[in-house]
């Protein structure tokens, strides 16, 4: 009976480990999910027509702009409302992701 228990526990641990490894491999890049909120106006990957293009900007420039929106320095429009909804870490992650889009 002990042998069966050890084998069952070992199999369960291996299965859990493989499952966690598979989940880690399929996780989207940091910031990508947050950026999906931007696509409505700015288009997929920040190339949308009619609104500011987000492609080609550095992470620090995008972050600076988002922080200005969040502080209210850029007015109280829709971008200010969006930016106020993110933490600093989320704004940085979002900026990093958007800066990689071309």
Protein backbone atom coordinates (compact mmCIF):
# COMPACT_ATOMS: atom_id res chain seq x y z
CA UNK A 1 0.00 0.00 0.00
CA UNK A 2 2.88 2.35 0.79
CA UNK A 3 4.32 1.80 -2.64
CA UNK A 4 0.99 2.71 -4.24
CA UNK A 5 0.74 5.89 -2.13
CA UNK A 6 4.29 6.99 -3.01
CA UNK A 7 3.66 6.32 -6.69
CA UNK A 8 0.35 8.21 -6.64
CA UNK A 9 1.90 11.19 -4.84
CA UNK A 10 4.87 11.21 -7.20
CA UNK A 11 2.59 11.11 -10.24
CA UNK A 12 0.46 13.94 -8.84
CA UNK A 13 3.51 16.12 -8.18
CA UNK A 14 4.85 15.49 -11.71
CA UNK A 15 1.46 16.28 -13.24
CA UNK A 16 1.18 19.50 -11.24
CA UNK A 17 4.70 20.52 -12.24
CA UNK A 18 4.04 19.91 -15.93
CA UNK A 19 0.74 21.77 -15.72
CA UNK A 20 2.39 24.80 -14.14
CA UNK A 21 5.17 24.74 -16.72
CA UNK A 22 2.61 24.67 -19.55
CA UNK A 23 0.73 27.60 -18.03
CA UNK A 24 3.93 29.61 -17.71
CA UNK A 25 4.70 29.05 -21.38
CA UNK A 26 1.27 30.20 -22.54
CA UNK A 27 1.06 33.37 -20.44
CA UNK A 28 0.85 36.52 -22.58
CA UNK A 29 3.73 38.99 -22.37
CA UNK A 30 3.49 41.51 -19.55
CA UNK A 31 1.44 44.53 -20.55
CA UNK A 32 -0.25 42.87 -23.51
CA UNK A 33 -3.55 42.26 -21.72
CA UNK A 34 -3.54 45.82 -20.37
CA UNK A 35 -2.87 47.14 -23.88
CA UNK A 36 -6.00 45.45 -25.17
CA UNK A 37 -7.91 48.32 -23.54
CA UNK A 38 -6.05 50.76 -25.82
CA UNK A 39 -7.00 48.99 -29.05
CA UNK A 40 -10.54 50.35 -29.15
CA UNK A 41 -9.26 53.84 -30.00
CA UNK A 42 -5.62 53.35 -30.98
CA UNK A 43 -6.08 50.14 -32.97
CA UNK A 44 -4.27 46.85 -32.75
CA UNK A 45 -0.64 47.36 -31.70
CA UNK A 46 -1.19 51.13 -31.41
CA UNK A 47 -1.50 51.87 -35.13
CA UNK A 48 -5.11 53.01 -35.21
CA UNK A 49 -6.38 55.76 -37.49
CA UNK A 50 -7.78 58.97 -36.10
CA UNK A 51 -6.02 58.86 -32.73
CA UNK A 52 -2.40 59.26 -31.71
CA UNK A 53 -0.23 56.40 -32.91
CA UNK A 54 1.55 54.66 -30.06
CA UNK A 55 4.11 52.83 -32.17
CA UNK A 56 7.64 54.16 -32.40
CA UNK A 57 7.55 55.77 -28.95
CA UNK A 58 9.99 54.78 -26.24
CA UNK A 59 8.74 53.16 -23.06
CA UNK A 60 9.82 56.18 -21.01
CA UNK A 61 7.95 58.60 -23.30
CA UNK A 62 4.75 56.56 -23.21
CA UNK A 63 5.04 56.22 -19.43
CA UNK A 64 5.60 59.98 -19.03
CA UNK A 65 2.55 60.73 -21.15
CA UNK A 66 0.38 58.27 -19.23
CA UNK A 67 1.53 59.70 -15.89
CA UNK A 68 0.62 63.21 -17.11
CA UNK A 69 -2.83 61.99 -18.10
CA UNK A 70 -3.23 60.27 -14.73
CA UNK A 71 -2.24 63.43 -12.86
CA UNK A 72 -4.78 65.55 -14.73
CA UNK A 73 -2.11 67.75 -16.40
CA UNK A 74 -3.46 66.74 -19.81
CA UNK A 75 -7.08 67.54 -18.96
CA UNK A 76 -9.91 65.36 -17.75
CA UNK A 77 -10.87 63.55 -20.97
CA UNK A 78 -11.13 59.88 -21.69
CA UNK A 79 -7.35 59.29 -21.56
CA UNK A 80 -7.17 60.82 -18.08
CA UNK A 81 -9.96 58.51 -16.93
CA UNK A 82 -8.20 55.46 -18.37
CA UNK A 83 -4.77 56.37 -16.99
CA UNK A 84 -6.16 57.03 -13.51
CA UNK A 85 -7.39 53.43 -13.42
CA UNK A 86 -3.90 51.90 -13.50
CA UNK A 87 -1.22 51.51 -10.86
CA UNK A 88 2.29 52.80 -11.55
CA UNK A 89 3.47 49.22 -12.11
CA UNK A 90 0.67 48.62 -14.62
CA UNK A 91 1.46 51.88 -16.44
CA UNK A 92 5.11 50.81 -16.68
CA UNK A 93 4.17 47.35 -17.94
CA UNK A 94 1.78 48.87 -20.46
CA UNK A 95 4.44 51.35 -21.62
CA UNK A 96 7.01 48.61 -22.02
CA UNK A 97 4.64 46.50 -24.12
CA UNK A 98 3.50 49.36 -26.34
CA UNK A 99 7.09 50.44 -26.98
CA UNK A 100 7.84 47.04 -28.53
CA UNK A 101 5.08 47.38 -31.14
CA UNK A 102 6.11 48.49 -34.62
